[in-house]
All heavy atoms as atom14 arrays in JSON, in Angstrom:
{
  "sequence": "DAVRRRMAAFLARRQGTADEEVLEGELEVSRADLAVAREEGNQDEVAG",
  "atom14_mask": [
    [1, 1, 1, 1, 1, 1, 1, 1, 0, 0, 0, 0, 0, 0],
    [1, 1, 1, 1, 1, 0, 0, 0, 0, 0, 0, 0, 0, 0],
    [1, 1, 1, 1, 1, 1, 1, 0, 0, 0, 0, 0, 0, 0],
    [1, 1, 1, 1, 1, 1, 1, 1, 1, 1, 1, 0, 0, 0],
    [1, 1, 1, 1, 1, 1, 1, 1, 1, 1, 1, 0, 0, 0],
    [1, 1, 1, 1, 1, 1, 1, 1, 1, 1, 1, 0, 0, 0],
    [1, 1, 1, 1, 1, 1, 1, 1, 0, 0, 0, 0, 0, 0],
    [1, 1, 1, 1, 1, 0, 0, 0, 0, 0, 0, 0, 0, 0],
    [1, 1, 1, 1, 1, 0, 0, 0, 0, 0, 0, 0, 0, 0],
    [1, 1, 1, 1, 1, 1, 1, 1, 1, 1, 1, 0, 0, 0],
    [1, 1, 1, 1, 1, 1, 1, 1, 0, 0, 0, 0, 0, 0],
    [1, 1, 1, 1, 1, 0, 0, 0, 0, 0, 0, 0, 0, 0],
    [1, 1, 1, 1, 1, 1, 1, 1, 1, 1, 1, 0, 0, 0],
    [1, 1, 1, 1, 1, 1, 1, 1, 1, 1, 1, 0, 0, 0],
    [1, 1, 1, 1, 1, 1, 1, 1, 1, 0, 0, 0, 0, 0],
    [1, 1, 1, 1, 0, 0, 0, 0, 0, 0, 0, 0, 0, 0],
    [1, 1, 1, 1, 1, 1, 1, 0, 0, 0, 0, 0, 0, 0],
    [1, 1, 1, 1, 1, 0, 0, 0, 0, 0, 0, 0, 0, 0],
    [1, 1, 1, 1, 1, 1, 1, 1, 0, 0, 0, 0, 0, 0],
    [1, 1, 1, 1, 1, 1, 1, 1, 1, 0, 0, 0, 0, 0],
    [1, 1, 1, 1, 1, 1, 1, 1, 1, 0, 0, 0, 0, 0],
    [1, 1, 1, 1, 1, 1, 1, 0, 0, 0, 0, 0, 0, 0],
    [1, 1, 1, 1, 1, 1, 1, 1, 0, 0, 0, 0, 0, 0],
    [1, 1, 1, 1, 1, 1, 1, 1, 1, 0, 0, 0, 0, 0],
    [1, 1, 1, 1, 0, 0, 0, 0, 0, 0, 0, 0, 0, 0],
    [1, 1, 1, 1, 1, 1, 1, 1, 1, 0, 0, 0, 0, 0],
    [1, 1, 1, 1, 1, 1, 1, 1, 0, 0, 0, 0, 0, 0],
    [1, 1, 1, 1, 1, 1, 1, 1, 1, 0, 0, 0, 0, 0],
    [1, 1, 1, 1, 1, 1, 1, 0, 0, 0, 0, 0, 0, 0],
    [1, 1, 1, 1, 1, 1, 0, 0, 0, 0, 0, 0, 0, 0],
    [1, 1, 1, 1, 1, 1, 1, 1, 1, 1, 1, 0, 0, 0],
    [1, 1, 1, 1, 1, 0, 0, 0, 0, 0, 0, 0, 0, 0],
    [1, 1, 1, 1, 1, 1, 1, 1, 0, 0, 0, 0, 0, 0],
    [1, 1, 1, 1, 1, 1, 1, 1, 0, 0, 0, 0, 0, 0],
    [1, 1, 1, 1, 1, 0, 0, 0, 0, 0, 0, 0, 0, 0],
    [1, 1, 1, 1, 1, 1, 1, 0, 0, 0, 0, 0, 0, 0],
    [1, 1, 1, 1, 1, 0, 0, 0, 0, 0, 0, 0, 0, 0],
    [1, 1, 1, 1, 1, 1, 1, 1, 1, 1, 1, 0, 0, 0],
    [1, 1, 1, 1, 1, 1, 1, 1, 1, 0, 0, 0, 0, 0],
    [1, 1, 1, 1, 1, 1, 1, 1, 1, 0, 0, 0, 0, 0],
    [1, 1, 1, 1, 0, 0, 0, 0, 0, 0, 0, 0, 0, 0],
    [1, 1, 1, 1, 1, 1, 1, 1, 0, 0, 0, 0, 0, 0],
    [1, 1, 1, 1, 1, 1, 1, 1, 1, 0, 0, 0, 0, 0],
    [1, 1, 1, 1, 1, 1, 1, 1, 0, 0, 0, 0, 0, 0],
    [1, 1, 1, 1, 1, 1, 1, 1, 1, 0, 0, 0, 0, 0],
    [1, 1, 1, 1, 1, 1, 1, 0, 0, 0, 0, 0, 0, 0],
    [1, 1, 1, 1, 1, 0, 0, 0, 0, 0, 0, 0, 0, 0],
    [1, 1, 1, 1, 0, 0, 0, 0, 0, 0, 0, 0, 0, 0]
  ],
  "atom14_positions": [
    [[0.83, -1.21, 0.0], [0.0, 0.0, 0.0], [0.87, 1.27, 0.0], [0.61, 2.21, -0.76], [-0.95, 0.01, 1.19], [-2.07, -1.0, 1.04], [-2.38, -1.4, -0.1], [-2.64, -1.4, 2.07], [0.0, 0.0, 0.0], [0.0, 0.0, 0.0], [0.0, 0.0, 0.0], [0.0, 0.0, 0.0], [0.0, 0.0, 0.0], [0.0, 0.0, 0.0]],
    [[1.89, 1.27, 0.83], [2.78, 2.44, 0.9], [3.57, 2.6, -0.4], [3.72, 3.71, -0.92], [3.73, 2.32, 2.08], [0.0, 0.0, 0.0], [0.0, 0.0, 0.0], [0.0, 0.0, 0.0], [0.0, 0.0, 0.0], [0.0, 0.0, 0.0], [0.0, 0.0, 0.0], [0.0, 0.0, 0.0], [0.0, 0.0, 0.0], [0.0, 0.0, 0.0]],
    [[4.05, 1.5, -0.95], [4.81, 1.54, -2.21], [3.91, 2.03, -3.33], [4.32, 2.88, -4.14], [5.42, 0.17, -2.54], [6.06, 0.17, -3.92], [6.42, -0.24, -1.48], [0.0, 0.0, 0.0], [0.0, 0.0, 0.0], [0.0, 0.0, 0.0], [0.0, 0.0, 0.0], [0.0, 0.0, 0.0], [0.0, 0.0, 0.0], [0.0, 0.0, 0.0]],
    [[2.69, 1.52, -3.39], [1.74, 1.94, -4.43], [1.51, 3.46, -4.36], [1.54, 4.15, -5.38], [0.42, 1.19, -4.27], [-0.6, 1.54, -5.36], [-1.97, 0.98, -5.06], [-2.51, 1.67, -3.9], [-3.03, 1.06, -2.83], [-3.08, -0.24, -2.77], [-3.49, 1.78, -1.82], [0.0, 0.0, 0.0], [0.0, 0.0, 0.0], [0.0, 0.0, 0.0]],
    [[1.29, 3.98, -3.16], [1.05, 5.42, -3.01], [2.28, 6.23, -3.43], [2.17, 7.24, -4.12], [0.67, 5.76, -1.57], [-0.75, 5.36, -1.21], [-1.18, 5.92, 0.14], [-0.32, 5.47, 1.24], [-0.51, 4.35, 1.93], [-1.52, 3.56, 1.63], [0.31, 4.03, 2.92], [0.0, 0.0, 0.0], [0.0, 0.0, 0.0], [0.0, 0.0, 0.0]],
    [[3.46, 5.77, -3.01], [4.7, 6.5, -3.34], [4.96, 6.47, -4.85], [5.35, 7.48, -5.42], [5.89, 5.88, -2.61], [5.87, 6.0, -1.09], [6.15, 7.42, -0.62], [7.23, 8.06, -1.31], [8.52, 7.96, -1.01], [8.9, 7.25, 0.02], [9.44, 8.59, -1.72], [0.0, 0.0, 0.0], [0.0, 0.0, 0.0], [0.0, 0.0, 0.0]],
    [[4.76, 5.32, -5.48], [5.01, 5.22, -6.92], [3.99, 6.06, -7.69], [4.34, 6.74, -8.66], [4.97, 3.76, -7.38], [5.28, 3.59, -8.86], [6.89, 4.22, -9.39], [7.95, 2.91, -8.87], [0.0, 0.0, 0.0], [0.0, 0.0, 0.0], [0.0, 0.0, 0.0], [0.0, 0.0, 0.0], [0.0, 0.0, 0.0], [0.0, 0.0, 0.0]],
    [[2.73, 6.01, -7.26], [1.71, 6.82, -7.94], [2.04, 8.31, -7.82], [1.88, 9.07, -8.79], [0.33, 6.51, -7.35], [0.0, 0.0, 0.0], [0.0, 0.0, 0.0], [0.0, 0.0, 0.0], [0.0, 0.0, 0.0], [0.0, 0.0, 0.0], [0.0, 0.0, 0.0], [0.0, 0.0, 0.0], [0.0, 0.0, 0.0], [0.0, 0.0, 0.0]],
    [[2.48, 8.74, -6.65], [2.85, 10.14, -6.46], [4.04, 10.52, -7.36], [4.05, 11.59, -7.98], [3.17, 10.41, -4.99], [0.0, 0.0, 0.0], [0.0, 0.0, 0.0], [0.0, 0.0, 0.0], [0.0, 0.0, 0.0], [0.0, 0.0, 0.0], [0.0, 0.0, 0.0], [0.0, 0.0, 0.0], [0.0, 0.0, 0.0], [0.0, 0.0, 0.0]],
    [[5.03, 9.63, -7.43], [6.19, 9.86, -8.29], [5.75, 10.01, -9.75], [6.13, 10.96, -10.44], [7.19, 8.71, -8.15], [8.23, 8.65, -9.24], [9.27, 9.56, -9.28], [8.15, 7.69, -10.23], [10.23, 9.51, -10.28], [9.1, 7.63, -11.24], [10.14, 8.54, -11.26], [0.0, 0.0, 0.0], [0.0, 0.0, 0.0], [0.0, 0.0, 0.0]],
    [[4.94, 9.07, -10.22], [4.47, 9.11, -11.61], [3.65, 10.36, -11.87], [3.79, 10.99, -12.91], [3.67, 7.85, -11.93], [4.46, 6.54, -11.95], [3.51, 5.35, -12.02], [5.45, 6.51, -13.1], [0.0, 0.0, 0.0], [0.0, 0.0, 0.0], [0.0, 0.0, 0.0], [0.0, 0.0, 0.0], [0.0, 0.0, 0.0], [0.0, 0.0, 0.0]],
    [[2.77, 10.72, -10.94], [1.92, 11.9, -11.12], [2.77, 13.17, -11.23], [2.51, 14.02, -12.09], [0.93, 12.02, -9.97], [0.0, 0.0, 0.0], [0.0, 0.0, 0.0], [0.0, 0.0, 0.0], [0.0, 0.0, 0.0], [0.0, 0.0, 0.0], [0.0, 0.0, 0.0], [0.0, 0.0, 0.0], [0.0, 0.0, 0.0], [0.0, 0.0, 0.0]],
    [[3.78, 13.3, -10.37], [4.65, 14.48, -10.44], [5.39, 14.54, -11.77], [5.56, 15.61, -12.34], [5.67, 14.45, -9.3], [5.17, 14.98, -8.0], [6.29, 15.17, -7.0], [7.08, 13.97, -6.71], [6.72, 13.01, -5.87], [5.57, 13.08, -5.24], [7.5, 11.96, -5.67], [0.0, 0.0, 0.0], [0.0, 0.0, 0.0], [0.0, 0.0, 0.0]],
    [[5.85, 13.42, -12.23], [6.69, 13.4, -13.43], [5.89, 13.42, -14.72], [6.4, 13.84, -15.76], [7.62, 12.18, -13.4], [8.68, 12.29, -12.31], [9.45, 13.56, -12.49], [10.47, 13.75, -11.47], [11.39, 14.66, -11.53], [11.43, 15.51, -12.53], [12.29, 14.78, -10.57], [0.0, 0.0, 0.0], [0.0, 0.0, 0.0], [0.0, 0.0, 0.0]],
    [[4.65, 12.97, -14.69], [3.84, 12.99, -15.9], [3.03, 14.28, -16.01], [2.51, 14.57, -17.07], [2.93, 11.76, -15.94], [3.71, 10.48, -16.11], [2.85, 9.23, -16.05], [1.72, 9.25, -15.59], [3.4, 8.14, -16.52], [0.0, 0.0, 0.0], [0.0, 0.0, 0.0], [0.0, 0.0, 0.0], [0.0, 0.0, 0.0], [0.0, 0.0, 0.0]],
    [[2.92, 14.98, -14.9], [2.28, 16.29, -14.93], [0.77, 16.29, -14.98], [0.13, 17.04, -14.27], [0.0, 0.0, 0.0], [0.0, 0.0, 0.0], [0.0, 0.0, 0.0], [0.0, 0.0, 0.0], [0.0, 0.0, 0.0], [0.0, 0.0, 0.0], [0.0, 0.0, 0.0], [0.0, 0.0, 0.0], [0.0, 0.0, 0.0], [0.0, 0.0, 0.0]],
    [[0.17, 15.45, -15.79], [-1.28, 15.5, -15.97], [-1.99, 14.33, -15.29], [-3.2, 14.31, -15.24], [-1.64, 15.47, -17.46], [-1.09, 14.27, -18.04], [-1.07, 16.67, -18.19], [0.0, 0.0, 0.0], [0.0, 0.0, 0.0], [0.0, 0.0, 0.0], [0.0, 0.0, 0.0], [0.0, 0.0, 0.0], [0.0, 0.0, 0.0], [0.0, 0.0, 0.0]],
    [[-1.25, 13.38, -14.81], [-1.87, 12.17, -14.28], [-2.39, 12.37, -12.86], [-1.79, 13.06, -12.04], [-0.86, 11.02, -14.31], [0.0, 0.0, 0.0], [0.0, 0.0, 0.0], [0.0, 0.0, 0.0], [0.0, 0.0, 0.0], [0.0, 0.0, 0.0], [0.0, 0.0, 0.0], [0.0, 0.0, 0.0], [0.0, 0.0, 0.0], [0.0, 0.0, 0.0]],
    [[-3.52, 11.77, -12.58], [-4.15, 11.8, -11.26], [-3.59, 10.64, -10.44], [-3.55, 9.5, -10.91], [-5.66, 11.66, -11.45], [-6.44, 11.65, -10.15], [-5.85, 11.62, -9.06], [-7.68, 11.67, -10.24], [0.0, 0.0, 0.0], [0.0, 0.0, 0.0], [0.0, 0.0, 0.0], [0.0, 0.0, 0.0], [0.0, 0.0, 0.0], [0.0, 0.0, 0.0]],
    [[-3.19, 10.9, -9.2], [-2.61, 9.86, -8.36], [-3.56, 8.69, -8.16], [-3.12, 7.54, -8.14], [-2.18, 10.43, -7.0], [-0.9, 11.21, -7.06], [-0.44, 11.68, -5.7], [-0.48, 10.89, -4.74], [-0.03, 12.85, -5.61], [0.0, 0.0, 0.0], [0.0, 0.0, 0.0], [0.0, 0.0, 0.0], [0.0, 0.0, 0.0], [0.0, 0.0, 0.0]],
    [[-4.84, 8.96, -7.99], [-5.8, 7.87, -7.78], [-5.89, 6.97, -9.0], [-6.0, 5.75, -8.87], [-7.17, 8.43, -7.41], [-7.22, 9.02, -6.01], [-8.6, 9.52, -5.64], [-9.6, 9.04, -6.2], [-8.66, 10.41, -4.77], [0.0, 0.0, 0.0], [0.0, 0.0, 0.0], [0.0, 0.0, 0.0], [0.0, 0.0, 0.0], [0.0, 0.0, 0.0]],
    [[-5.86, 7.57, -10.17], [-5.89, 6.78, -11.41], [-4.63, 5.91, -11.5], [-4.7, 4.72, -11.84], [-6.01, 7.7, -12.65], [-5.79, 6.93, -13.94], [-7.36, 8.4, -12.65], [0.0, 0.0, 0.0], [0.0, 0.0, 0.0], [0.0, 0.0, 0.0], [0.0, 0.0, 0.0], [0.0, 0.0, 0.0], [0.0, 0.0, 0.0], [0.0, 0.0, 0.0]],
    [[-3.5, 6.5, -11.16], [-2.24, 5.75, -11.2], [-2.23, 4.64, -10.17], [-1.75, 3.53, -10.45], [-1.06, 6.69, -11.01], [-0.82, 7.65, -12.18], [0.08, 8.79, -11.77], [-0.28, 6.9, -13.38], [0.0, 0.0, 0.0], [0.0, 0.0, 0.0], [0.0, 0.0, 0.0], [0.0, 0.0, 0.0], [0.0, 0.0, 0.0], [0.0, 0.0, 0.0]],
    [[-2.77, 4.89, -8.98], [-2.87, 3.83, -7.97], [-3.74, 2.7, -8.51], [-3.45, 1.52, -8.28], [-3.44, 4.37, -6.65], [-2.43, 5.14, -5.85], [-2.92, 5.46, -4.45], [-3.52, 4.58, -3.8], [-2.67, 6.6, -4.0], [0.0, 0.0, 0.0], [0.0, 0.0, 0.0], [0.0, 0.0, 0.0], [0.0, 0.0, 0.0], [0.0, 0.0, 0.0]],
    [[-4.81, 3.05, -9.23], [-5.66, 2.02, -9.84], [-4.91, 1.2, -10.87], [-5.06, -0.03, -10.93], [0.0, 0.0, 0.0], [0.0, 0.0, 0.0], [0.0, 0.0, 0.0], [0.0, 0.0, 0.0], [0.0, 0.0, 0.0], [0.0, 0.0, 0.0], [0.0, 0.0, 0.0], [0.0, 0.0, 0.0], [0.0, 0.0, 0.0], [0.0, 0.0, 0.0]],
    [[-4.07, 1.85, -11.69], [-3.27, 1.12, -12.68], [-2.3, 0.16, -11.99], [-2.11, -0.97, -12.44], [-2.49, 2.1, -13.55], [-3.34, 2.89, -14.51], [-2.51, 3.88, -15.31], [-1.33, 3.59, -15.61], [-3.05, 4.95, -15.65], [0.0, 0.0, 0.0], [0.0, 0.0, 0.0], [0.0, 0.0, 0.0], [0.0, 0.0, 0.0], [0.0, 0.0, 0.0]],
    [[-1.7, 0.64, -10.91], [-0.79, -0.22, -10.15], [-1.53, -1.41, -9.54], [-1.01, -2.53, -9.53], [-0.07, 0.59, -9.08], [0.98, 1.57, -9.61], [1.29, 2.65, -8.58], [2.23, 0.83, -10.04], [0.0, 0.0, 0.0], [0.0, 0.0, 0.0], [0.0, 0.0, 0.0], [0.0, 0.0, 0.0], [0.0, 0.0, 0.0], [0.0, 0.0, 0.0]],
    [[-2.74, -1.19, -9.06], [-3.54, -2.29, -8.49], [-3.92, -3.31, -9.55], [-3.94, -4.51, -9.29], [-4.8, -1.75, -7.8], [-4.59, -1.4, -6.36], [-3.99, -2.53, -5.52], [-4.48, -3.68, -5.54], [-3.0, -2.25, -4.84], [0.0, 0.0, 0.0], [0.0, 0.0, 0.0], [0.0, 0.0, 0.0], [0.0, 0.0, 0.0], [0.0, 0.0, 0.0]],
    [[-4.24, -2.83, -10.75], [-4.54, -3.75, -11.86], [-3.33, -4.62, -12.16], [-3.44, -5.84, -12.34], [-5.02, -2.98, -13.11], [-5.05, -3.88, -14.34], [-6.39, -2.36, -12.87], [0.0, 0.0, 0.0], [0.0, 0.0, 0.0], [0.0, 0.0, 0.0], [0.0, 0.0, 0.0], [0.0, 0.0, 0.0], [0.0, 0.0, 0.0], [0.0, 0.0, 0.0]],
    [[-2.15, -4.0, -12.19], [-0.92, -4.76, -12.42], [-0.71, -5.79, -11.32], [-0.32, -6.93, -11.59], [0.29, -3.83, -12.5], [0.26, -3.06, -13.66], [0.0, 0.0, 0.0], [0.0, 0.0, 0.0], [0.0, 0.0, 0.0], [0.0, 0.0, 0.0], [0.0, 0.0, 0.0], [0.0, 0.0, 0.0], [0.0, 0.0, 0.0], [0.0, 0.0, 0.0]],
    [[-0.97, -5.39, -10.08], [-0.8, -6.32, -8.95], [-1.77, -7.5, -9.08], [-1.39, -8.65, -8.85], [-1.03, -5.6, -7.63], [-0.81, -6.5, -6.44], [-1.11, -5.78, -5.16], [-0.67, -6.58, -4.02], [-1.27, -6.58, -2.86], [-2.33, -5.82, -2.66], [-0.81, -7.32, -1.88], [0.0, 0.0, 0.0], [0.0, 0.0, 0.0], [0.0, 0.0, 0.0]],
    [[-3.01, -7.22, -9.46], [-3.99, -8.3, -9.63], [-3.57, -9.23, -10.77], [-3.65, -10.45, -10.65], [-5.37, -7.71, -9.89], [0.0, 0.0, 0.0], [0.0, 0.0, 0.0], [0.0, 0.0, 0.0], [0.0, 0.0, 0.0], [0.0, 0.0, 0.0], [0.0, 0.0, 0.0], [0.0, 0.0, 0.0], [0.0, 0.0, 0.0], [0.0, 0.0, 0.0]],
    [[-3.11, -8.65, -11.88], [-2.63, -9.47, -13.0], [-1.46, -10.34, -12.56], [-1.38, -11.52, -12.93], [-2.17, -8.58, -14.17], [-3.32, -7.86, -14.86], [-4.5, -8.24, -14.63], [-3.04, -6.91, -15.62], [0.0, 0.0, 0.0], [0.0, 0.0, 0.0], [0.0, 0.0, 0.0], [0.0, 0.0, 0.0], [0.0, 0.0, 0.0], [0.0, 0.0, 0.0]],
    [[-0.57, -9.77, -11.78], [0.6, -10.5, -11.29], [0.17, -11.65, -10.38], [0.68, -12.77, -10.49], [1.53, -9.56, -10.55], [2.84, -10.14, -10.04], [3.72, -10.57, -11.2], [3.55, -9.14, -9.16], [0.0, 0.0, 0.0], [0.0, 0.0, 0.0], [0.0, 0.0, 0.0], [0.0, 0.0, 0.0], [0.0, 0.0, 0.0], [0.0, 0.0, 0.0]],
    [[-0.78, -11.39, -9.49], [-1.24, -12.43, -8.57], [-1.87, -13.6, -9.33], [-1.59, -14.77, -9.02], [-2.25, -11.84, -7.58], [0.0, 0.0, 0.0], [0.0, 0.0, 0.0], [0.0, 0.0, 0.0], [0.0, 0.0, 0.0], [0.0, 0.0, 0.0], [0.0, 0.0, 0.0], [0.0, 0.0, 0.0], [0.0, 0.0, 0.0], [0.0, 0.0, 0.0]],
    [[-2.68, -13.3, -10.32], [-3.31, -14.36, -11.13], [-2.24, -15.14, -11.89], [-2.26, -16.38, -11.92], [-4.35, -13.76, -12.1], [-4.82, -14.79, -13.12], [-5.55, -13.21, -11.32], [0.0, 0.0, 0.0], [0.0, 0.0, 0.0], [0.0, 0.0, 0.0], [0.0, 0.0, 0.0], [0.0, 0.0, 0.0], [0.0, 0.0, 0.0], [0.0, 0.0, 0.0]],
    [[-1.3, -14.44, -12.48], [-0.23, -15.1, -13.25], [0.59, -16.02, -12.36], [0.9, -17.15, -12.74], [0.67, -14.06, -13.91], [0.0, 0.0, 0.0], [0.0, 0.0, 0.0], [0.0, 0.0, 0.0], [0.0, 0.0, 0.0], [0.0, 0.0, 0.0], [0.0, 0.0, 0.0], [0.0, 0.0, 0.0], [0.0, 0.0, 0.0], [0.0, 0.0, 0.0]],
    [[0.92, -15.54, -11.17], [1.7, -16.38, -10.26], [0.89, -17.58, -9.8], [1.42, -18.68, -9.68], [2.19, -15.56, -9.07], [3.33, -14.64, -9.43], [3.85, -13.87, -8.25], [5.06, -13.15, -8.61], [5.49, -12.09, -7.97], [4.83, -11.61, -6.93], [6.6, -11.49, -8.35], [0.0, 0.0, 0.0], [0.0, 0.0, 0.0], [0.0, 0.0, 0.0]],
    [[-0.37, -17.37, -9.52], [-1.23, -18.48, -9.08], [-1.35, -19.54, -10.16], [-1.37, -20.74, -9.87], [-2.62, -17.93, -8.73], [-3.55, -18.96, -8.13], [-4.86, -18.32, -7.7], [-4.83, -17.41, -6.86], [-5.91, -18.76, -8.23], [0.0, 0.0, 0.0], [0.0, 0.0, 0.0], [0.0, 0.0, 0.0], [0.0, 0.0, 0.0], [0.0, 0.0, 0.0]],
    [[-1.41, -19.12, -11.41], [-1.53, -20.04, -12.53], [-0.17, -20.56, -13.0], [-0.11, -21.4, -13.9], [-2.25, -19.36, -13.69], [-3.7, -19.03, -13.39], [-4.37, -18.24, -14.49], [-3.68, -17.79, -15.45], [-5.6, -18.06, -14.4], [0.0, 0.0, 0.0], [0.0, 0.0, 0.0], [0.0, 0.0, 0.0], [0.0, 0.0, 0.0], [0.0, 0.0, 0.0]],
    [[0.91, -20.04, -12.44], [2.25, -20.46, -12.86], [2.62, -19.95, -14.24], [3.46, -20.53, -14.93], [0.0, 0.0, 0.0], [0.0, 0.0, 0.0], [0.0, 0.0, 0.0], [0.0, 0.0, 0.0], [0.0, 0.0, 0.0], [0.0, 0.0, 0.0], [0.0, 0.0, 0.0], [0.0, 0.0, 0.0], [0.0, 0.0, 0.0], [0.0, 0.0, 0.0]],
    [[2.01, -18.85, -14.66], [2.24, -18.3, -15.99], [3.41, -17.3, -15.93], [3.22, -16.11, -15.71], [0.97, -17.62, -16.49], [1.08, -17.12, -17.91], [2.18, -16.97, -18.45], [-0.05, -16.88, -18.54], [0.0, 0.0, 0.0], [0.0, 0.0, 0.0], [0.0, 0.0, 0.0], [0.0, 0.0, 0.0], [0.0, 0.0, 0.0], [0.0, 0.0, 0.0]],
    [[4.61, -17.82, -16.14], [5.8, -16.98, -16.04], [5.88, -15.93, -17.15], [6.46, -14.86, -16.95], [7.06, -17.85, -16.04], [7.2, -18.71, -14.8], [7.16, -17.87, -13.52], [7.86, -16.88, -13.38], [6.31, -18.26, -12.58], [0.0, 0.0, 0.0], [0.0, 0.0, 0.0], [0.0, 0.0, 0.0], [0.0, 0.0, 0.0], [0.0, 0.0, 0.0]],
    [[5.28, -16.22, -18.3], [5.27, -15.23, -19.38], [4.48, -14.0, -18.95], [4.88, -12.87, -19.22], [4.67, -15.82, -20.66], [5.57, -16.84, -21.32], [6.78, -16.83, -21.04], [5.05, -17.65, -22.1], [0.0, 0.0, 0.0], [0.0, 0.0, 0.0], [0.0, 0.0, 0.0], [0.0, 0.0, 0.0], [0.0, 0.0, 0.0], [0.0, 0.0, 0.0]],
    [[3.36, -14.22, -18.3], [2.54, -13.1, -17.84], [3.22, -12.34, -16.7], [3.17, -11.12, -16.63], [1.16, -13.59, -17.4], [0.19, -12.48, -17.09], [-0.16, -11.6, -18.28], [-0.11, -12.08, -19.43], [-0.47, -10.41, -18.06], [0.0, 0.0, 0.0], [0.0, 0.0, 0.0], [0.0, 0.0, 0.0], [0.0, 0.0, 0.0], [0.0, 0.0, 0.0]],
    [[3.89, -13.07, -15.81], [4.66, -12.42, -14.74], [5.72, -11.51, -15.37], [5.86, -10.34, -14.99], [5.32, -13.45, -13.81], [6.33, -12.79, -12.88], [4.27, -14.21, -13.02], [0.0, 0.0, 0.0], [0.0, 0.0, 0.0], [0.0, 0.0, 0.0], [0.0, 0.0, 0.0], [0.0, 0.0, 0.0], [0.0, 0.0, 0.0], [0.0, 0.0, 0.0]],
    [[6.43, -12.03, -16.35], [7.45, -11.24, -17.04], [6.81, -10.07, -17.79], [7.4, -8.99, -17.89], [8.24, -12.12, -18.01], [0.0, 0.0, 0.0], [0.0, 0.0, 0.0], [0.0, 0.0, 0.0], [0.0, 0.0, 0.0], [0.0, 0.0, 0.0], [0.0, 0.0, 0.0], [0.0, 0.0, 0.0], [0.0, 0.0, 0.0], [0.0, 0.0, 0.0]],
    [[5.6, -10.28, -18.3], [4.9, -9.21, -19.01], [4.56, -8.03, -18.13], [4.66, -6.87, -18.56], [0.0, 0.0, 0.0], [0.0, 0.0, 0.0], [0.0, 0.0, 0.0], [0.0, 0.0, 0.0], [0.0, 0.0, 0.0], [0.0, 0.0, 0.0], [0.0, 0.0, 0.0], [0.0, 0.0, 0.0], [0.0, 0.0, 0.0], [0.0, 0.0, 0.0]]
  ]
}
């Protein structure tokens, strides 16, 4: 949770137009994709 907030804030500052909440959502989607890939043993998706 702390890493997600810090990374979203970093991206928002550097991209200028991005909303931190939107970026946190993108990071959460990536985390969910990663969890499913690991659960299924799909290393290609993990690498993706």
